[in-house]
Amino acid sequence: TPQAWQATRERFMAQEIAPRLPAASHALVRKHQAAGDTVVLTTATNRFITELTAQHLGLSHLLATECDRDEAGRFTGRVAGTPNMREGKLHRLREWLGPQGLTLEACQSTAYSDSMNDLPLLEKVDTPVATNPDDTLRALAAQRGWKILDLWKHD
């Protein structure tokens, strides 16, 4: 159950995730928020793990892969709904925008990603930013003239 995993989740956040979030990532979030931008953390990692990351960064909007649970509320190990990855990330973002009367095409949008897995999303936003990118995404970003941001170099 989520309750049984809570202490482990908190320890993982404190010991593994928080130390890996450079100050530049916090500053980037604050910059967007100060500009009045809606900032959404969209990740393939499951919601149970990433809720604390979103909170740590001061984000109220999180799109993540959802964990399936059984009738007793225990995690089954399966995914509920569309995984928030590759084309699914773009689909889930559009689903999130819809009830707000918005479309991705009508929004001034920026996406930051480190992985080619996010190519479907990066290709649809106004401003794609390869952030701490893997070698493949770095090469593609350079070829397409996308901004490349190395947050680790700012700390």
C-alpha atoms as a PDB file:
ATOM      1  CA  THR A   1       0.000   0.000   0.000  1.00  0.00           C
ATOM      2  CA  PRO A   2       1.125   3.599  -0.338  1.00  0.00           C
ATOM      3  CA  GLN A   3       1.195   3.845   3.456  1.00  0.00           C
ATOM      4  CA  ALA A   4       3.549   0.884   3.743  1.00  0.00           C
ATOM      5  CA  TRP A   5       5.931   2.490   1.215  1.00  0.00           C
ATOM      6  CA  GLN A   6       5.716   6.054   2.596  1.00  0.00           C
ATOM      7  CA  ALA A   7       8.884   5.991   4.728  1.00  0.00           C
ATOM      8  CA  THR A   8      10.880   4.437   1.887  1.00  0.00           C
ATOM      9  CA  ARG A   9       9.557   7.033  -0.550  1.00  0.00           C
ATOM     10  CA  GLU A  10      10.501   9.893   1.783  1.00  0.00           C
ATOM     11  CA  ARG A  11      13.976   8.450   2.356  1.00  0.00           C
ATOM     12  CA  PHE A  12      14.469   7.982  -1.418  1.00  0.00           C
ATOM     13  CA  MET A  13      13.493  11.609  -2.025  1.00  0.00           C
ATOM     14  CA  ALA A  14      15.787  12.954   0.691  1.00  0.00           C
ATOM     15  CA  GLN A  15      18.807  10.760  -0.034  1.00  0.00           C
ATOM     16  CA  GLU A  16      18.654  10.159  -3.793  1.00  0.00           C
ATOM     17  CA  ILE A  17      16.499  12.718  -5.594  1.00  0.00           C
ATOM     18  CA  ALA A  18      16.865  16.034  -3.744  1.00  0.00           C
ATOM     19  CA  PRO A  19      20.688  15.956  -3.820  1.00  0.00           C
ATOM     20  CA  ARG A  20      20.574  15.410  -7.596  1.00  0.00           C
ATOM     21  CA  LEU A  21      18.404  18.439  -8.322  1.00  0.00           C
ATOM     22  CA  PRO A  22      20.850  21.251  -9.029  1.00  0.00           C
ATOM     23  CA  ALA A  23      20.153  24.756  -7.754  1.00  0.00           C
ATOM     24  CA  ALA A  24      19.834  25.822 -11.399  1.00  0.00           C
ATOM     25  CA  SER A  25      16.759  23.592 -11.786  1.00  0.00           C
ATOM     26  CA  HIS A  26      15.074  25.294  -8.830  1.00  0.00           C
ATOM     27  CA  ALA A  27      16.001  28.702 -10.290  1.00  0.00           C
ATOM     28  CA  LEU A  28      14.577  27.743 -13.686  1.00  0.00           C
ATOM     29  CA  VAL A  29      11.252  26.727 -12.133  1.00  0.00           C
ATOM     30  CA  ARG A  30      11.108  29.954 -10.113  1.00  0.00           C
ATOM     31  CA  LYS A  31      11.908  32.003 -13.237  1.00  0.00           C
ATOM     32  CA  HIS A  32       8.960  30.478 -15.112  1.00  0.00           C
ATOM     33  CA  GLN A  33       6.644  30.881 -12.133  1.00  0.00           C
ATOM     34  CA  ALA A  34       7.669  34.534 -11.684  1.00  0.00           C
ATOM     35  CA  ALA A  35       6.831  35.111 -15.352  1.00  0.00           C
ATOM     36  CA  GLY A  36       3.328  33.772 -14.695  1.00  0.00           C
ATOM     37  CA  ASP A  37       3.899  30.558 -16.634  1.00  0.00           C
ATOM     38  CA  THR A  38       1.998  27.401 -15.757  1.00  0.00           C
ATOM     39  CA  VAL A  39       4.717  24.895 -14.925  1.00  0.00           C
ATOM     40  CA  VAL A  40       3.943  21.195 -15.238  1.00  0.00           C
ATOM     41  CA  LEU A  41       6.261  18.355 -14.300  1.00  0.00           C
ATOM     42  CA  THR A  42       5.508  15.621 -16.819  1.00  0.00           C
ATOM     43  CA  THR A  43       7.418  12.405 -16.288  1.00  0.00           C
ATOM     44  CA  ALA A  44       7.378   8.744 -17.191  1.00  0.00           C
ATOM     45  CA  THR A  45       8.167   7.883 -13.582  1.00  0.00           C
ATOM     46  CA  ASN A  46       5.141   6.925 -11.523  1.00  0.00           C
ATOM     47  CA  ARG A  47       3.147   9.467  -9.539  1.00  0.00           C
ATOM     48  CA  PHE A  48       3.829   7.849  -6.164  1.00  0.00           C
ATOM     49  CA  ILE A  49       7.555   8.463  -6.582  1.00  0.00           C
ATOM     50  CA  THR A  50       7.368  11.857  -8.306  1.00  0.00           C
ATOM     51  CA  GLU A  51       4.783  13.589  -6.106  1.00  0.00           C
ATOM     52  CA  LEU A  52       7.522  14.442  -3.636  1.00  0.00           C
ATOM     53  CA  THR A  53       9.767  15.755  -6.409  1.00  0.00           C
ATOM     54  CA  ALA A  54       7.022  18.069  -7.635  1.00  0.00           C
ATOM     55  CA  GLN A  55       6.460  19.295  -4.072  1.00  0.00           C
ATOM     56  CA  HIS A  56      10.200  19.794  -3.563  1.00  0.00           C
ATOM     57  CA  LEU A  57      10.336  21.962  -6.690  1.00  0.00           C
ATOM     58  CA  GLY A  58       7.237  23.921  -5.661  1.00  0.00           C
ATOM     59  CA  LEU A  59       5.093  22.565  -8.499  1.00  0.00           C
ATOM     60  CA  SER A  60       1.368  22.019  -8.166  1.00  0.00           C
ATOM     61  CA  HIS A  61       0.914  20.354 -11.569  1.00  0.00           C
ATOM     62  CA  LEU A  62       2.192  16.818 -12.124  1.00  0.00           C
ATOM     63  CA  LEU A  63       1.559  14.437 -15.003  1.00  0.00           C
ATOM     64  CA  ALA A  64       3.067  11.036 -14.289  1.00  0.00           C
ATOM     65  CA  THR A  65       2.511   7.394 -15.039  1.00  0.00           C
ATOM     66  CA  GLU A  66      -0.260   6.153 -12.761  1.00  0.00           C
ATOM     67  CA  CYS A  67       0.117   3.021 -10.654  1.00  0.00           C
ATOM     68  CA  ASP A  68      -2.644   0.449 -10.760  1.00  0.00           C
ATOM     69  CA  ARG A  69      -4.036  -0.599  -7.379  1.00  0.00           C
ATOM     70  CA  ASP A  70      -6.198  -3.484  -6.331  1.00  0.00           C
ATOM     71  CA  GLU A  71      -9.451  -3.265  -4.338  1.00  0.00           C
ATOM     72  CA  ALA A  72      -7.478  -2.993  -1.080  1.00  0.00           C
ATOM     73  CA  GLY A  73      -5.412  -0.066  -2.419  1.00  0.00           C
ATOM     74  CA  ARG A  74      -2.221  -2.099  -2.853  1.00  0.00           C
ATOM     75  CA  PHE A  75       0.033  -1.466  -5.829  1.00  0.00           C
ATOM     76  CA  THR A  76      -0.309  -4.244  -8.403  1.00  0.00           C
ATOM     77  CA  GLY A  77       2.861  -3.475 -10.356  1.00  0.00           C
ATOM     78  CA  ARG A  78       0.805  -2.595 -13.427  1.00  0.00           C
ATOM     79  CA  VAL A  79       0.213   0.770 -15.036  1.00  0.00           C
ATOM     80  CA  ALA A  80      -3.229   2.361 -14.848  1.00  0.00           C
ATOM     81  CA  GLY A  81      -4.212   4.098 -18.057  1.00  0.00           C
ATOM     82  CA  THR A  82      -1.807   5.483 -20.621  1.00  0.00           C
ATOM     83  CA  PRO A  83       1.846   5.459 -19.548  1.00  0.00           C
ATOM     84  CA  ASN A  84       3.181   9.023 -19.455  1.00  0.00           C
ATOM     85  CA  MET A  85       6.016   8.375 -21.864  1.00  0.00           C
ATOM     86  CA  ARG A  86       6.861   8.892 -25.535  1.00  0.00           C
ATOM     87  CA  GLU A  87       3.629   9.587 -27.453  1.00  0.00           C
ATOM     88  CA  GLY A  88       1.691   8.929 -24.243  1.00  0.00           C
ATOM     89  CA  LYS A  89       3.264  11.995 -22.650  1.00  0.00           C
ATOM     90  CA  LEU A  90       1.923  14.176 -25.459  1.00  0.00           C
ATOM     91  CA  HIS A  91      -1.495  12.477 -25.252  1.00  0.00           C
ATOM     92  CA  ARG A  92      -1.702  12.922 -21.478  1.00  0.00           C
ATOM     93  CA  LEU A  93      -0.688  16.599 -21.705  1.00  0.00           C
ATOM     94  CA  ARG A  94      -3.415  17.227 -24.261  1.00  0.00           C
ATOM     95  CA  GLU A  95      -5.918  15.443 -21.984  1.00  0.00           C
ATOM     96  CA  TRP A  96      -4.842  17.681 -19.098  1.00  0.00           C
ATOM     97  CA  LEU A  97      -5.157  20.863 -21.147  1.00  0.00           C
ATOM     98  CA  GLY A  98      -8.582  19.997 -22.602  1.00  0.00           C
ATOM     99  CA  PRO A  99     -10.776  20.577 -19.523  1.00  0.00           C
ATOM    100  CA  GLN A 100      -9.110  23.979 -19.146  1.00  0.00           C
ATOM    101  CA  GLY A 101     -10.281  24.893 -22.651  1.00  0.00           C
ATOM    102  CA  LEU A 102      -6.700  24.865 -23.911  1.00  0.00           C
ATOM    103  CA  THR A 103      -4.781  23.125 -26.637  1.00  0.00           C
ATOM    104  CA  LEU A 104      -1.041  22.687 -26.889  1.00  0.00           C
ATOM    105  CA  GLU A 105      -1.102  24.468 -30.221  1.00  0.00           C
ATOM    106  CA  ALA A 106      -2.800  27.532 -28.687  1.00  0.00           C
ATOM    107  CA  CYS A 107      -0.392  27.769 -25.762  1.00  0.00           C
ATOM    108  CA  GLN A 108       3.024  29.385 -25.772  1.00  0.00           C
ATOM    109  CA  SER A 109       4.882  26.266 -24.666  1.00  0.00           C
ATOM    110  CA  THR A 110       8.372  25.226 -23.664  1.00  0.00           C
ATOM    111  CA  ALA A 111       9.491  21.692 -22.878  1.00  0.00           C
ATOM    112  CA  TYR A 112      12.712  20.658 -21.192  1.00  0.00           C
ATOM    113  CA  SER A 113      13.941  17.100 -21.627  1.00  0.00           C
ATOM    114  CA  ASP A 114      17.073  15.006 -21.302  1.00  0.00           C
ATOM    115  CA  SER A 115      15.918  12.079 -23.428  1.00  0.00           C
ATOM    116  CA  MET A 116      14.975  11.116 -26.956  1.00  0.00           C
ATOM    117  CA  ASN A 117      11.964   9.413 -25.375  1.00  0.00           C
ATOM    118  CA  ASP A 118      10.399  12.889 -25.211  1.00  0.00           C
ATOM    119  CA  LEU A 119      10.870  13.618 -28.912  1.00  0.00           C
ATOM    120  CA  PRO A 120       7.105  13.526 -29.643  1.00  0.00           C
ATOM    121  CA  LEU A 121       6.566  16.292 -27.067  1.00  0.00           C
ATOM    122  CA  LEU A 122       9.665  18.289 -28.008  1.00  0.00           C
ATOM    123  CA  GLU A 123       8.555  18.361 -31.637  1.00  0.00           C
ATOM    124  CA  LYS A 124       5.135  19.838 -30.732  1.00  0.00           C
ATOM    125  CA  VAL A 125       6.081  22.669 -28.358  1.00  0.00           C
ATOM    126  CA  ASP A 126       7.088  26.161 -29.390  1.00  0.00           C
ATOM    127  CA  THR A 127      10.427  26.011 -27.585  1.00  0.00           C
ATOM    128  CA  PRO A 128      12.104  22.628 -27.167  1.00  0.00           C
ATOM    129  CA  VAL A 129      15.091  22.645 -24.813  1.00  0.00           C
ATOM    130  CA  ALA A 130      17.462  19.698 -24.578  1.00  0.00           C
ATOM    131  CA  THR A 131      18.358  19.763 -20.887  1.00  0.00           C
ATOM    132  CA  ASN A 132      21.296  17.743 -19.593  1.00  0.00           C
ATOM    133  CA  PRO A 133      20.644  15.713 -22.758  1.00  0.00           C
ATOM    134  CA  ASP A 134      21.868  12.257 -23.579  1.00  0.00           C
ATOM    135  CA  ASP A 135      24.272  12.141 -26.531  1.00  0.00           C
ATOM    136  CA  THR A 136      21.562  11.308 -29.063  1.00  0.00           C
ATOM    137  CA  LEU A 137      19.281  14.154 -28.024  1.00  0.00           C
ATOM    138  CA  ARG A 138      22.235  16.552 -27.818  1.00  0.00           C
ATOM    139  CA  ALA A 139      23.184  15.762 -31.422  1.00  0.00           C
ATOM    140  CA  LEU A 140      19.587  16.120 -32.643  1.00  0.00           C
ATOM    141  CA  ALA A 141      19.115  19.407 -30.764  1.00  0.00           C
ATOM    142  CA  ALA A 142      22.306  20.798 -32.299  1.00  0.00           C
ATOM    143  CA  GLN A 143      21.160  19.675 -35.764  1.00  0.00           C
ATOM    144  CA  ARG A 144      17.724  21.299 -35.337  1.00  0.00           C
ATOM    145  CA  GLY A 145      19.000  24.453 -33.678  1.00  0.00           C
ATOM    146  CA  TRP A 146      17.259  23.773 -30.369  1.00  0.00           C
ATOM    147  CA  LYS A 147      18.613  25.294 -27.201  1.00  0.00           C
ATOM    148  CA  ILE A 148      20.839  22.996 -25.152  1.00  0.00           C
ATOM    149  CA  LEU A 149      20.872  23.637 -21.413  1.00  0.00           C
ATOM    150  CA  ASP A 150      23.322  21.982 -19.045  1.00  0.00           C
ATOM    151  CA  LEU A 151      21.969  22.671 -15.562  1.00  0.00           C
ATOM    152  CA  TRP A 152      24.908  20.965 -13.865  1.00  0.00           C
ATOM    153  CA  LYS A 153      27.283  23.607 -15.257  1.00  0.00           C
ATOM    154  CA  HIS A 154      25.403  26.328 -13.365  1.00  0.00           C
ATOM    155  CA  ASP A 155      26.061  24.918  -9.873  1.00  0.00           C
END
